[in-house]
Amino acid sequence: MPDPGDIREFRLEDGGVVLSLLNLGCITRGWWVPLSGTSVPVVLGYDDPANYVSNPTYMGVIAGRVANRIAGARFSLAGQEHFLSPNENAHQLHGGAGGLHSRIWRAETEGAKAVQFSYSSPDGEEGFPGRADFTVTVRLDGPRVTYDMVATVDRPTPINLAQHSYYSLGVDKLAQVARFICVADRYTPVDRDLIPTGAIVGIAGTRYDFRAGAVLGRRDPDAEGIDLNLALPEDRDPAQPMAEVLAPNGMRLRMWSDQPGLQVYTGHVLSEVDGAHHGQRITPWAGIALEPQGFPNAVNCPTFPSIIVSPDQPYRQRLTVEIMEVPK
């Protein structure tokens, strides 16, 4: 477990927008955006950075080495079976208990509007083969935040990172009242443990079809919640956002990503905890996690896009999120 005394905060500011980052887990601790003359917190977060030492909901982290679930905490690569550290029953979630979210990263500022984080994961950490050197650069540009994620490895190994903020947009229980739009045309069904079955099915006619947009609560009248990977069209226009969230208070989130999937989690099983930023509450449905990434359990599903990287093919991901008041 990290020492709270090792945690450092980095604050970026531009045009009235404030972004707070931590070297623990490369965490986006807070993000404040102007709304009708006030400053509104738009991601869930703790006011005290020390509270992130125990962070079971992965709030704000960079999750990895492999985000999401790996069935049975095991996989085979080039004829060799690898056994990982399980941390969700028999499965591994978000890289294990000692994954990237729990590590103190090296951090250097790049001017007033960017921070570069780096971490070297040794061979065998949480069961993963090979050494992996990670770099995540976070840039603030007005209403936009960009995460550039890179990993270089010394042997073939799986890498699948995910930025794991819960977007609240200054609205209580946003994950029930927001209008959500997403270009995804397929999804990957899951079993009772939320492990994908290996199928990729069309989204038309299901409650997960958000191509025309829908209020999340109206699409989910029984309050079952959503925790599912949506598959994005391979031929989508990269200049257009692949997801959008519209809040009742006039805030709008738009997201661009180069990843094949988007994990959508409505935060319905979040626990009510104290210590949130002023003006927000951490409760069930308080935020929606939108996590661009490779498909969950891809290491065990040969029909899914591969997440294996190699020394001559490093891992790269770019995520851009824009949050702002919609001009009237």
C-alpha atoms as a PDB file:
ATOM      1  CA  MET A   1       0.000   0.000   0.000  1.00  0.00           C
ATOM      2  CA  PRO A   2       1.426   3.419  -0.934  1.00  0.00           C
ATOM      3  CA  ASP A   3       2.602   5.837   1.737  1.00  0.00           C
ATOM      4  CA  PRO A   4       0.373   8.958   1.872  1.00  0.00           C
ATOM      5  CA  GLY A   5       3.541  10.988   2.411  1.00  0.00           C
ATOM      6  CA  ASP A   6       4.678  10.076  -1.129  1.00  0.00           C
ATOM      7  CA  ILE A   7       1.603  11.525  -2.807  1.00  0.00           C
ATOM      8  CA  ARG A   8       2.132  14.729  -4.782  1.00  0.00           C
ATOM      9  CA  GLU A   9      -0.498  16.916  -6.393  1.00  0.00           C
ATOM     10  CA  PHE A  10      -0.145  18.806  -9.673  1.00  0.00           C
ATOM     11  CA  ARG A  11      -2.598  21.572 -10.582  1.00  0.00           C
ATOM     12  CA  LEU A  12      -3.084  22.787 -14.138  1.00  0.00           C
ATOM     13  CA  GLU A  13      -5.143  25.884 -15.007  1.00  0.00           C
ATOM     14  CA  ASP A  14      -6.347  27.367 -18.286  1.00  0.00           C
ATOM     15  CA  GLY A  15      -9.233  29.713 -19.044  1.00  0.00           C
ATOM     16  CA  GLY A  16     -10.945  29.232 -15.697  1.00  0.00           C
ATOM     17  CA  VAL A  17     -10.610  25.435 -15.862  1.00  0.00           C
ATOM     18  CA  VAL A  18      -8.652  23.722 -13.075  1.00  0.00           C
ATOM     19  CA  LEU A  19      -7.312  20.163 -13.218  1.00  0.00           C
ATOM     20  CA  SER A  20      -5.840  18.344 -10.210  1.00  0.00           C
ATOM     21  CA  LEU A  21      -3.607  15.301 -10.809  1.00  0.00           C
ATOM     22  CA  LEU A  22      -1.830  12.930  -8.408  1.00  0.00           C
ATOM     23  CA  ASN A  23       1.316  10.881  -8.874  1.00  0.00           C
ATOM     24  CA  LEU A  24      -0.477   8.003  -7.119  1.00  0.00           C
ATOM     25  CA  GLY A  25      -2.073   5.917  -9.853  1.00  0.00           C
ATOM     26  CA  CYS A  26      -1.819   8.817 -12.306  1.00  0.00           C
ATOM     27  CA  ILE A  27      -5.115   9.900 -10.749  1.00  0.00           C
ATOM     28  CA  THR A  28      -7.295  12.719 -12.040  1.00  0.00           C
ATOM     29  CA  ARG A  29      -8.301  13.927  -8.574  1.00  0.00           C
ATOM     30  CA  GLY A  30     -10.464  16.853  -9.619  1.00  0.00           C
ATOM     31  CA  TRP A  31     -11.619  18.884 -12.592  1.00  0.00           C
ATOM     32  CA  TRP A  32     -13.467  22.190 -12.185  1.00  0.00           C
ATOM     33  CA  VAL A  33     -15.229  23.954 -15.054  1.00  0.00           C
ATOM     34  CA  PRO A  34     -16.995  27.364 -15.192  1.00  0.00           C
ATOM     35  CA  LEU A  35     -20.807  27.186 -15.183  1.00  0.00           C
ATOM     36  CA  SER A  36     -22.946  30.345 -15.009  1.00  0.00           C
ATOM     37  CA  GLY A  37     -20.213  32.252 -13.225  1.00  0.00           C
ATOM     38  CA  THR A  38     -19.344  29.549 -10.699  1.00  0.00           C
ATOM     39  CA  SER A  39     -16.771  26.743 -10.686  1.00  0.00           C
ATOM     40  CA  VAL A  40     -18.335  23.271 -10.812  1.00  0.00           C
ATOM     41  CA  PRO A  41     -16.610  19.930 -10.037  1.00  0.00           C
ATOM     42  CA  VAL A  42     -17.198  17.664 -13.048  1.00  0.00           C
ATOM     43  CA  VAL A  43     -15.510  14.426 -11.904  1.00  0.00           C
ATOM     44  CA  LEU A  44     -15.991  12.617  -8.610  1.00  0.00           C
ATOM     45  CA  GLY A  45     -13.045  12.944  -6.281  1.00  0.00           C
ATOM     46  CA  TYR A  46     -11.777  13.155  -2.726  1.00  0.00           C
ATOM     47  CA  ASP A  47     -10.842  16.491  -1.238  1.00  0.00           C
ATOM     48  CA  ASP A  48      -7.955  14.884   0.696  1.00  0.00           C
ATOM     49  CA  PRO A  49      -5.421  13.139  -1.579  1.00  0.00           C
ATOM     50  CA  ALA A  50      -4.584  10.699   1.237  1.00  0.00           C
ATOM     51  CA  ASN A  51      -8.043   9.151   0.822  1.00  0.00           C
ATOM     52  CA  TYR A  52      -6.880   7.633  -2.463  1.00  0.00           C
ATOM     53  CA  VAL A  53      -4.547   5.213  -0.677  1.00  0.00           C
ATOM     54  CA  SER A  54      -7.640   2.997  -0.449  1.00  0.00           C
ATOM     55  CA  ASN A  55      -9.506   3.433  -3.724  1.00  0.00           C
ATOM     56  CA  PRO A  56     -11.619   0.304  -4.369  1.00  0.00           C
ATOM     57  CA  THR A  57     -13.725   2.013  -7.043  1.00  0.00           C
ATOM     58  CA  TYR A  58     -10.612   3.051  -9.059  1.00  0.00           C
ATOM     59  CA  MET A  59     -11.786   6.671  -9.007  1.00  0.00           C
ATOM     60  CA  GLY A  60      -9.779   8.739 -11.465  1.00  0.00           C
ATOM     61  CA  VAL A  61      -6.985   6.222 -12.010  1.00  0.00           C
ATOM     62  CA  ILE A  62      -5.130   4.912 -15.026  1.00  0.00           C
ATOM     63  CA  ALA A  63      -6.094   1.230 -14.803  1.00  0.00           C
ATOM     64  CA  GLY A  64      -3.708  -1.480 -15.998  1.00  0.00           C
ATOM     65  CA  ARG A  65      -1.510  -3.245 -16.981  1.00  0.00           C
ATOM     66  CA  VAL A  66      -4.743  -4.714 -18.328  1.00  0.00           C
ATOM     67  CA  ALA A  67      -7.886  -2.780 -17.517  1.00  0.00           C
ATOM     68  CA  ASN A  68     -11.194  -4.535 -16.972  1.00  0.00           C
ATOM     69  CA  ARG A  69     -11.540  -8.285 -16.300  1.00  0.00           C
ATOM     70  CA  ILE A  70      -9.424 -11.304 -17.168  1.00  0.00           C
ATOM     71  CA  ALA A  71     -11.361 -14.519 -16.629  1.00  0.00           C
ATOM     72  CA  GLY A  72      -9.837 -16.894 -14.116  1.00  0.00           C
ATOM     73  CA  ALA A  73      -6.850 -14.540 -13.745  1.00  0.00           C
ATOM     74  CA  ARG A  74      -4.994 -16.533 -16.403  1.00  0.00           C
ATOM     75  CA  PHE A  75      -4.188 -16.550 -20.107  1.00  0.00           C
ATOM     76  CA  SER A  76      -1.931 -18.338 -22.601  1.00  0.00           C
ATOM     77  CA  LEU A  77       0.574 -16.633 -24.862  1.00  0.00           C
ATOM     78  CA  ALA A  78       2.824 -18.412 -27.361  1.00  0.00           C
ATOM     79  CA  GLY A  79       2.008 -21.740 -25.768  1.00  0.00           C
ATOM     80  CA  GLN A  80       2.838 -20.659 -22.222  1.00  0.00           C
ATOM     81  CA  GLU A  81       0.170 -20.218 -19.561  1.00  0.00           C
ATOM     82  CA  HIS A  82       0.428 -17.222 -17.258  1.00  0.00           C
ATOM     83  CA  PHE A  83      -1.259 -17.059 -13.858  1.00  0.00           C
ATOM     84  CA  LEU A  84      -2.160 -13.600 -12.608  1.00  0.00           C
ATOM     85  CA  SER A  85      -3.083 -12.321  -9.169  1.00  0.00           C
ATOM     86  CA  PRO A  86      -6.877 -12.521  -8.728  1.00  0.00           C
ATOM     87  CA  ASN A  87      -8.598  -9.632  -6.960  1.00  0.00           C
ATOM     88  CA  GLU A  88     -12.274 -10.091  -7.923  1.00  0.00           C
ATOM     89  CA  ASN A  89     -13.225 -13.595  -6.845  1.00  0.00           C
ATOM     90  CA  ALA A  90     -11.286 -15.902  -9.200  1.00  0.00           C
ATOM     91  CA  HIS A  91     -10.744 -13.153 -11.774  1.00  0.00           C
ATOM     92  CA  GLN A  92      -8.374 -10.254 -12.173  1.00  0.00           C
ATOM     93  CA  LEU A  93      -9.789  -6.727 -12.399  1.00  0.00           C
ATOM     94  CA  HIS A  94      -7.865  -3.649 -13.574  1.00  0.00           C
ATOM     95  CA  GLY A  95      -4.434  -5.251 -13.344  1.00  0.00           C
ATOM     96  CA  GLY A  96      -4.777  -6.728  -9.860  1.00  0.00           C
ATOM     97  CA  ALA A  97      -4.580  -5.262  -6.375  1.00  0.00           C
ATOM     98  CA  GLY A  98      -1.050  -4.058  -7.121  1.00  0.00           C
ATOM     99  CA  GLY A  99      -1.876  -2.688 -10.562  1.00  0.00           C
ATOM    100  CA  LEU A 100      -0.867   0.678 -11.958  1.00  0.00           C
ATOM    101  CA  HIS A 101      -3.591   2.421  -9.928  1.00  0.00           C
ATOM    102  CA  SER A 102      -1.765   1.580  -6.682  1.00  0.00           C
ATOM    103  CA  ARG A 103       1.726   2.700  -7.711  1.00  0.00           C
ATOM    104  CA  ILE A 104       3.558   5.958  -7.151  1.00  0.00           C
ATOM    105  CA  TRP A 105       4.534   7.271 -10.586  1.00  0.00           C
ATOM    106  CA  ARG A 106       7.426   9.585 -11.373  1.00  0.00           C
ATOM    107  CA  ALA A 107       6.083  12.961 -12.483  1.00  0.00           C
ATOM    108  CA  GLU A 108       7.478  15.989 -14.276  1.00  0.00           C
ATOM    109  CA  THR A 109       5.652  19.140 -15.304  1.00  0.00           C
ATOM    110  CA  GLU A 110       5.795  20.151 -18.965  1.00  0.00           C
ATOM    111  CA  GLY A 111       5.164  23.866 -18.730  1.00  0.00           C
ATOM    112  CA  ALA A 112       2.060  25.164 -16.964  1.00  0.00           C
ATOM    113  CA  LYS A 113      -0.474  22.974 -18.740  1.00  0.00           C
ATOM    114  CA  ALA A 114       0.919  19.421 -18.835  1.00  0.00           C
ATOM    115  CA  VAL A 115       2.329  16.719 -16.587  1.00  0.00           C
ATOM    116  CA  GLN A 116       4.172  13.595 -17.719  1.00  0.00           C
ATOM    117  CA  PHE A 117       3.896  10.526 -15.489  1.00  0.00           C
ATOM    118  CA  SER A 118       6.075   7.434 -15.862  1.00  0.00           C
ATOM    119  CA  TYR A 119       6.284   4.048 -14.179  1.00  0.00           C
ATOM    120  CA  SER A 120       8.383   0.932 -14.856  1.00  0.00           C
ATOM    121  CA  SER A 121       6.566  -2.314 -14.128  1.00  0.00           C
ATOM    122  CA  PRO A 122       9.005  -5.214 -13.595  1.00  0.00           C
ATOM    123  CA  ASP A 123       8.699  -8.649 -15.140  1.00  0.00           C
ATOM    124  CA  GLY A 124       6.159 -10.706 -13.191  1.00  0.00           C
ATOM    125  CA  GLU A 125       4.344  -7.831 -11.501  1.00  0.00           C
ATOM    126  CA  GLU A 126       0.816  -9.093 -10.728  1.00  0.00           C
ATOM    127  CA  GLY A 127       1.721 -12.126 -12.870  1.00  0.00           C
ATOM    128  CA  PHE A 128       2.256 -10.338 -16.186  1.00  0.00           C
ATOM    129  CA  PRO A 129       5.238 -11.397 -18.304  1.00  0.00           C
ATOM    130  CA  GLY A 130       7.953  -8.959 -19.271  1.00  0.00           C
ATOM    131  CA  ARG A 131       8.994  -5.494 -18.218  1.00  0.00           C
ATOM    132  CA  ALA A 132       6.713  -2.654 -19.256  1.00  0.00           C
ATOM    133  CA  ASP A 133       7.652   1.034 -19.169  1.00  0.00           C
ATOM    134  CA  PHE A 134       4.612   3.319 -19.068  1.00  0.00           C
ATOM    135  CA  THR A 135       4.320   7.012 -19.849  1.00  0.00           C
ATOM    136  CA  VAL A 136       1.117   9.015 -19.501  1.00  0.00           C
ATOM    137  CA  THR A 137       1.118  12.684 -20.482  1.00  0.00           C
ATOM    138  CA  VAL A 138      -1.886  14.743 -19.388  1.00  0.00           C
ATOM    139  CA  ARG A 139      -2.490  18.094 -21.097  1.00  0.00           C
ATOM    140  CA  LEU A 140      -5.044  20.794 -20.367  1.00  0.00           C
ATOM    141  CA  ASP A 141      -6.139  23.007 -23.243  1.00  0.00           C
ATOM    142  CA  GLY A 142      -9.077  25.184 -22.246  1.00  0.00           C
ATOM    143  CA  PRO A 143     -12.088  22.882 -21.865  1.00  0.00           C
ATOM    144  CA  ARG A 144     -10.180  19.837 -23.157  1.00  0.00           C
ATOM    145  CA  VAL A 145      -7.988  17.321 -21.353  1.00  0.00           C
ATOM    146  CA  THR A 146      -5.891  14.889 -23.392  1.00  0.00           C
ATOM    147  CA  TYR A 147      -4.311  11.701 -22.070  1.00  0.00           C
ATOM    148  CA  ASP A 148      -1.474  10.297 -24.206  1.00  0.00           C
ATOM    149  CA  MET A 149      -0.592   6.797 -22.984  1.00  0.00           C
ATOM    150  CA  VAL A 150       2.436   4.818 -24.161  1.00  0.00           C
ATOM    151  CA  ALA A 151       3.953   1.516 -23.066  1.00  0.00           C
ATOM    152  CA  THR A 152       7.156  -0.083 -24.312  1.00  0.00           C
ATOM    153  CA  VAL A 153       7.897  -3.723 -23.470  1.00  0.00           C
ATOM    154  CA  ASP A 154      10.826  -6.119 -23.690  1.00  0.00           C
ATOM    155  CA  ARG A 155       8.760  -9.144 -24.817  1.00  0.00           C
ATOM    156  CA  PRO A 156       5.237  -9.800 -26.113  1.00  0.00           C
ATOM    157  CA  THR A 157       2.713  -9.150 -23.347  1.00  0.00           C
ATOM    158  CA  PRO A 158      -0.840  -7.809 -23.000  1.00  0.00           C
ATOM    159  CA  ILE A 159      -1.375  -4.085 -22.360  1.00  0.00           C
ATOM    160  CA  ASN A 160      -4.767  -2.388 -22.154  1.00  0.00           C
ATOM    161  CA  LEU A 161      -4.989   0.899 -20.260  1.00  0.00           C
ATOM    162  CA  ALA A 162      -8.121   2.821 -19.268  1.00  0.00           C
ATOM    163  CA  GLN A 163      -8.639   6.239 -17.750  1.00  0.00           C
ATOM    164  CA  HIS A 164     -11.244   5.703 -15.013  1.00  0.00           C
ATOM    165  CA  SER A 165     -12.821   9.016 -14.006  1.00  0.00           C
ATOM    166  CA  TYR A 166     -16.439   9.106 -12.914  1.00  0.00           C
ATOM    167  CA  TYR A 167     -17.987  12.081 -14.703  1.00  0.00           C
ATOM    168  CA  SER A 168     -20.541  13.967 -12.596  1.00  0.00           C
ATOM    169  CA  LEU A 169     -20.799  17.309 -14.470  1.00  0.00           C
ATOM    170  CA  GLY A 170     -21.970  19.082 -11.328  1.00  0.00           C
ATOM    171  CA  VAL A 171     -25.262  17.154 -11.194  1.00  0.00           C
ATOM    172  CA  ASP A 172     -26.482  14.819  -8.442  1.00  0.00           C
ATOM    173  CA  LYS A 173     -26.989  11.231  -9.680  1.00  0.00           C
ATOM    174  CA  LEU A 174     -25.893  12.171 -13.193  1.00  0.00           C
ATOM    175  CA  ALA A 175     -25.909   8.522 -14.328  1.00  0.00           C
ATOM    176  CA  GLN A 176     -29.695   8.503 -14.101  1.00  0.00           C
ATOM    177  CA  VAL A 177     -30.604  11.922 -15.493  1.00  0.00           C
ATOM    178  CA  ALA A 178     -28.044  12.576 -18.243  1.00  0.00           C
ATOM    179  CA  ARG A 179     -28.674  12.131 -21.948  1.00  0.00           C
ATOM    180  CA  PHE A 180     -26.058   9.790 -23.396  1.00  0.00           C
ATOM    181  CA  ILE A 181     -25.061   9.496 -27.033  1.00  0.00           C
ATOM    182  CA  CYS A 182     -22.598   6.915 -28.391  1.00  0.00           C
ATOM    183  CA  VAL A 183     -21.741   5.763 -31.910  1.00  0.00           C
ATOM    184  CA  ALA A 184     -21.248   2.124 -30.813  1.00  0.00           C
ATOM    185  CA  ASP A 185     -23.050  -0.326 -33.101  1.00  0.00           C
ATOM    186  CA  ARG A 186     -22.240  -3.574 -31.255  1.00  0.00           C
ATOM    187  CA  TYR A 187     -21.520  -4.801 -27.733  1.00  0.00           C
ATOM    188  CA  THR A 188     -19.935  -7.766 -25.966  1.00  0.00           C
ATOM    189  CA  PRO A 189     -22.452  -9.698 -23.798  1.00  0.00           C
ATOM    190  CA  VAL A 190     -21.269 -10.832 -20.361  1.00  0.00           C
ATOM    191  CA  ASP A 191     -21.981 -13.620 -17.881  1.00  0.00           C
ATOM    192  CA  ARG A 192     -22.973 -13.249 -14.221  1.00  0.00           C
ATOM    193  CA  ASP A 193     -19.375 -12.289 -13.309  1.00  0.00           C
ATOM    194  CA  LEU A 194     -19.344  -9.564 -15.999  1.00  0.00           C
ATOM    195  CA  ILE A 195     -16.918 -11.617 -18.092  1.00  0.00           C
ATOM    196  CA  PRO A 196     -17.552 -11.348 -21.856  1.00  0.00           C
ATOM    197  CA  THR A 197     -18.853 -14.544 -23.435  1.00  0.00           C
ATOM    198  CA  GLY A 198     -16.697 -13.983 -26.519  1.00  0.00           C
ATOM    199  CA  ALA A 199     -19.615 -12.927 -28.709  1.00  0.00           C
ATOM    200  CA  ILE A 200     -19.893  -9.561 -30.447  1.00  0.00           C
ATOM    201  CA  VAL A 201     -23.520  -8.776 -31.238  1.00  0.00           C
ATOM    202  CA  GLY A 202     -25.413  -5.974 -32.906  1.00  0.00           C
ATOM    203  CA  ILE A 203     -26.744  -3.254 -30.656  1.00  0.00           C
ATOM    204  CA  ALA A 204     -29.938  -2.420 -32.571  1.00  0.00           C
ATOM    205  CA  GLY A 205     -33.097  -3.093 -30.581  1.00  0.00           C
ATOM    206  CA  THR A 206     -31.299  -3.349 -27.226  1.00  0.00           C
ATOM    207  CA  ARG A 207     -31.271  -0.938 -24.305  1.00  0.00           C
ATOM    208  CA  TYR A 208     -27.602  -0.312 -25.081  1.00  0.00           C
ATOM    209  CA  ASP A 209     -28.286   1.414 -28.408  1.00  0.00           C
ATOM    210  CA  PHE A 210     -27.458   5.062 -27.775  1.00  0.00           C
ATOM    211  CA  ARG A 211     -26.767   6.105 -31.355  1.00  0.00           C
ATOM    212  CA  ALA A 212     -29.785   8.429 -31.352  1.00  0.00           C
ATOM    213  CA  GLY A 213     -29.248   9.372 -27.709  1.00  0.00           C
ATOM    214  CA  ALA A 214     -31.356   8.562 -24.649  1.00  0.00           C
ATOM    215  CA  VAL A 215     -31.715   9.603 -21.022  1.00  0.00           C
ATOM    216  CA  LEU A 216     -29.943   6.870 -19.061  1.00  0.00           C
ATOM    217  CA  GLY A 217     -32.620   6.469 -16.397  1.00  0.00           C
ATOM    218  CA  ARG A 218     -35.426   6.172 -18.942  1.00  0.00           C
ATOM    219  CA  ARG A 219     -33.503   3.464 -20.801  1.00  0.00           C
ATOM    220  CA  ASP A 220     -33.091   1.603 -17.481  1.00  0.00           C
ATOM    221  CA  PRO A 221     -36.482   1.837 -15.654  1.00  0.00           C
ATOM    222  CA  ASP A 222     -35.673  -1.074 -13.316  1.00  0.00           C
ATOM    223  CA  ALA A 223     -32.422   0.631 -12.219  1.00  0.00           C
ATOM    224  CA  GLU A 224     -30.324  -2.393 -13.155  1.00  0.00           C
ATOM    225  CA  GLY A 225     -27.426  -0.175 -14.181  1.00  0.00           C
ATOM    226  CA  ILE A 226     -24.965  -0.651 -17.008  1.00  0.00           C
ATOM    227  CA  ASP A 227     -21.447  -2.100 -16.778  1.00  0.00           C
ATOM    228  CA  LEU A 228     -20.691  -3.187 -20.323  1.00  0.00           C
ATOM    229  CA  ASN A 229     -18.252  -2.851 -23.192  1.00  0.00           C
ATOM    230  CA  LEU A 230     -19.676  -1.131 -26.267  1.00  0.00           C
ATOM    231  CA  ALA A 231     -17.894  -1.854 -29.551  1.00  0.00           C
ATOM    232  CA  LEU A 232     -17.145   1.207 -31.671  1.00  0.00           C
ATOM    233  CA  PRO A 233     -17.306   1.200 -35.494  1.00  0.00           C
ATOM    234  CA  GLU A 234     -13.905   0.641 -37.050  1.00  0.00           C
ATOM    235  CA  ASP A 235     -14.708   3.116 -39.830  1.00  0.00           C
ATOM    236  CA  ARG A 236     -15.906   5.942 -37.564  1.00  0.00           C
ATOM    237  CA  ASP A 237     -14.764   9.489 -38.296  1.00  0.00           C
ATOM    238  CA  PRO A 238     -11.947  10.210 -35.796  1.00  0.00           C
ATOM    239  CA  ALA A 239     -12.728  13.920 -35.962  1.00  0.00           C
ATOM    240  CA  GLN A 240     -16.182  13.329 -34.507  1.00  0.00           C
ATOM    241  CA  PRO A 241     -16.778  12.507 -30.821  1.00  0.00           C
ATOM    242  CA  MET A 242     -17.609   8.870 -30.222  1.00  0.00           C
ATOM    243  CA  ALA A 243     -19.541   9.646 -27.029  1.00  0.00           C
ATOM    244  CA  GLU A 244     -21.398  12.618 -25.592  1.00  0.00           C
ATOM    245  CA  VAL A 245     -23.104  13.317 -22.267  1.00  0.00           C
ATOM    246  CA  LEU A 246     -25.610  16.150 -21.836  1.00  0.00           C
ATOM    247  CA  ALA A 247     -26.457  17.177 -18.270  1.00  0.00           C
ATOM    248  CA  PRO A 248     -29.631  18.982 -17.123  1.00  0.00           C
ATOM    249  CA  ASN A 249     -27.572  21.927 -15.849  1.00  0.00           C
ATOM    250  CA  GLY A 250     -26.265  22.762 -19.324  1.00  0.00           C
ATOM    251  CA  MET A 251     -22.918  20.967 -19.064  1.00  0.00           C
ATOM    252  CA  ARG A 252     -21.788  18.839 -22.017  1.00  0.00           C
ATOM    253  CA  LEU A 253     -19.080  16.194 -22.210  1.00  0.00           C
ATOM    254  CA  ARG A 254     -17.631  15.072 -25.534  1.00  0.00           C
ATOM    255  CA  MET A 255     -15.059  12.292 -25.891  1.00  0.00           C
ATOM    256  CA  TRP A 256     -12.668  11.240 -28.653  1.00  0.00           C
ATOM    257  CA  SER A 257     -10.679   7.988 -28.589  1.00  0.00           C
ATOM    258  CA  ASP A 258      -8.687   5.684 -30.848  1.00  0.00           C
ATOM    259  CA  GLN A 259      -9.678   2.544 -28.909  1.00  0.00           C
ATOM    260  CA  PRO A 260     -12.034  -0.183 -30.216  1.00  0.00           C
ATOM    261  CA  GLY A 261     -14.253  -0.338 -27.118  1.00  0.00           C
ATOM    262  CA  LEU A 262     -15.901   1.886 -24.539  1.00  0.00           C
ATOM    263  CA  GLN A 263     -16.721   0.454 -21.122  1.00  0.00           C
ATOM    264  CA  VAL A 264     -19.803   2.242 -19.814  1.00  0.00           C
ATOM    265  CA  TYR A 265     -20.385   1.966 -16.060  1.00  0.00           C
ATOM    266  CA  THR A 266     -23.199   3.928 -14.452  1.00  0.00           C
ATOM    267  CA  GLY A 267     -21.730   3.775 -10.940  1.00  0.00           C
ATOM    268  CA  HIS A 268     -24.848   2.101  -9.579  1.00  0.00           C
ATOM    269  CA  VAL A 269     -22.903   0.061  -7.022  1.00  0.00           C
ATOM    270  CA  LEU A 270     -20.780   2.928  -5.739  1.00  0.00           C
ATOM    271  CA  SER A 271     -20.885   3.203  -1.958  1.00  0.00           C
ATOM    272  CA  GLU A 272     -21.872   6.411  -0.229  1.00  0.00           C
ATOM    273  CA  VAL A 273     -18.681   7.817   1.267  1.00  0.00           C
ATOM    274  CA  ASP A 274     -17.622  11.064   2.883  1.00  0.00           C
ATOM    275  CA  GLY A 275     -14.809  13.369   1.850  1.00  0.00           C
ATOM    276  CA  ALA A 276     -15.931  14.413  -1.640  1.00  0.00           C
ATOM    277  CA  HIS A 277     -15.075  17.766  -3.193  1.00  0.00           C
ATOM    278  CA  HIS A 278     -17.171  20.704  -2.070  1.00  0.00           C
ATOM    279  CA  GLY A 279     -20.461  20.725  -3.946  1.00  0.00           C
ATOM    280  CA  GLN A 280     -20.639  17.034  -4.782  1.00  0.00           C
ATOM    281  CA  ARG A 281     -21.602  13.725  -3.175  1.00  0.00           C
ATOM    282  CA  ILE A 282     -20.173  10.276  -3.826  1.00  0.00           C
ATOM    283  CA  THR A 283     -23.208   7.986  -3.879  1.00  0.00           C
ATOM    284  CA  PRO A 284     -24.681   5.305  -6.161  1.00  0.00           C
ATOM    285  CA  TRP A 285     -25.341   6.755  -9.652  1.00  0.00           C
ATOM    286  CA  ALA A 286     -23.334   9.910  -8.798  1.00  0.00           C
ATOM    287  CA  GLY A 287     -21.074   9.580 -11.830  1.00  0.00           C
ATOM    288  CA  ILE A 288     -20.743   7.690 -15.080  1.00  0.00           C
ATOM    289  CA  ALA A 289     -17.416   6.063 -15.943  1.00  0.00           C
ATOM    290  CA  LEU A 290     -16.643   6.132 -19.666  1.00  0.00           C
ATOM    291  CA  GLU A 291     -13.503   4.072 -20.230  1.00  0.00           C
ATOM    292  CA  PRO A 292     -12.140   3.747 -23.783  1.00  0.00           C
ATOM    293  CA  GLN A 293     -10.042   0.575 -24.008  1.00  0.00           C
ATOM    294  CA  GLY A 294      -9.519  -2.751 -25.729  1.00  0.00           C
ATOM    295  CA  PHE A 295     -12.199  -5.366 -25.231  1.00  0.00           C
ATOM    296  CA  PRO A 296     -12.388  -6.997 -21.765  1.00  0.00           C
ATOM    297  CA  ASN A 297     -10.850 -10.472 -21.449  1.00  0.00           C
ATOM    298  CA  ALA A 298      -9.381 -10.110 -24.950  1.00  0.00           C
ATOM    299  CA  VAL A 299      -6.467 -12.342 -23.939  1.00  0.00           C
ATOM    300  CA  ASN A 300      -8.927 -15.256 -23.704  1.00  0.00           C
ATOM    301  CA  CYS A 301     -11.256 -14.368 -26.605  1.00  0.00           C
ATOM    302  CA  PRO A 302      -9.563 -14.926 -29.983  1.00  0.00           C
ATOM    303  CA  THR A 303     -12.406 -13.161 -31.818  1.00  0.00           C
ATOM    304  CA  PHE A 304     -11.670  -9.889 -29.993  1.00  0.00           C
ATOM    305  CA  PRO A 305      -9.093  -7.340 -31.197  1.00  0.00           C
ATOM    306  CA  SER A 306      -5.695  -8.357 -29.821  1.00  0.00           C
ATOM    307  CA  ILE A 307      -4.176  -6.430 -26.901  1.00  0.00           C
ATOM    308  CA  ILE A 308      -0.756  -8.107 -27.228  1.00  0.00           C
ATOM    309  CA  VAL A 309       2.070  -5.622 -27.744  1.00  0.00           C
ATOM    310  CA  SER A 310       5.726  -6.299 -28.492  1.00  0.00           C
ATOM    311  CA  PRO A 311       9.104  -4.533 -28.503  1.00  0.00           C
ATOM    312  CA  ASP A 312       8.604  -3.484 -32.127  1.00  0.00           C
ATOM    313  CA  GLN A 313       4.920  -2.581 -31.681  1.00  0.00           C
ATOM    314  CA  PRO A 314       4.537  -0.484 -28.508  1.00  0.00           C
ATOM    315  CA  TYR A 315       1.195   0.389 -26.960  1.00  0.00           C
ATOM    316  CA  ARG A 316      -0.361   3.765 -27.677  1.00  0.00           C
ATOM    317  CA  GLN A 317      -3.674   5.347 -26.733  1.00  0.00           C
ATOM    318  CA  ARG A 318      -4.946   8.893 -27.020  1.00  0.00           C
ATOM    319  CA  LEU A 319      -8.050  10.045 -25.160  1.00  0.00           C
ATOM    320  CA  THR A 320      -9.459  13.564 -25.337  1.00  0.00           C
ATOM    321  CA  VAL A 321     -12.321  14.734 -23.132  1.00  0.00           C
ATOM    322  CA  GLU A 322     -14.009  18.113 -23.461  1.00  0.00           C
ATOM    323  CA  ILE A 323     -16.317  19.419 -20.730  1.00  0.00           C
ATOM    324  CA  MET A 324     -17.957  22.811 -20.979  1.00  0.00           C
ATOM    325  CA  GLU A 325     -21.180  24.730 -20.566  1.00  0.00           C
ATOM    326  CA  VAL A 326     -23.193  24.481 -23.781  1.00  0.00           C
ATOM    327  CA  PRO A 327     -23.463  27.947 -25.329  1.00  0.00           C
ATOM    328  CA  LYS A 328     -27.051  29.181 -25.249  1.00  0.00           C
END
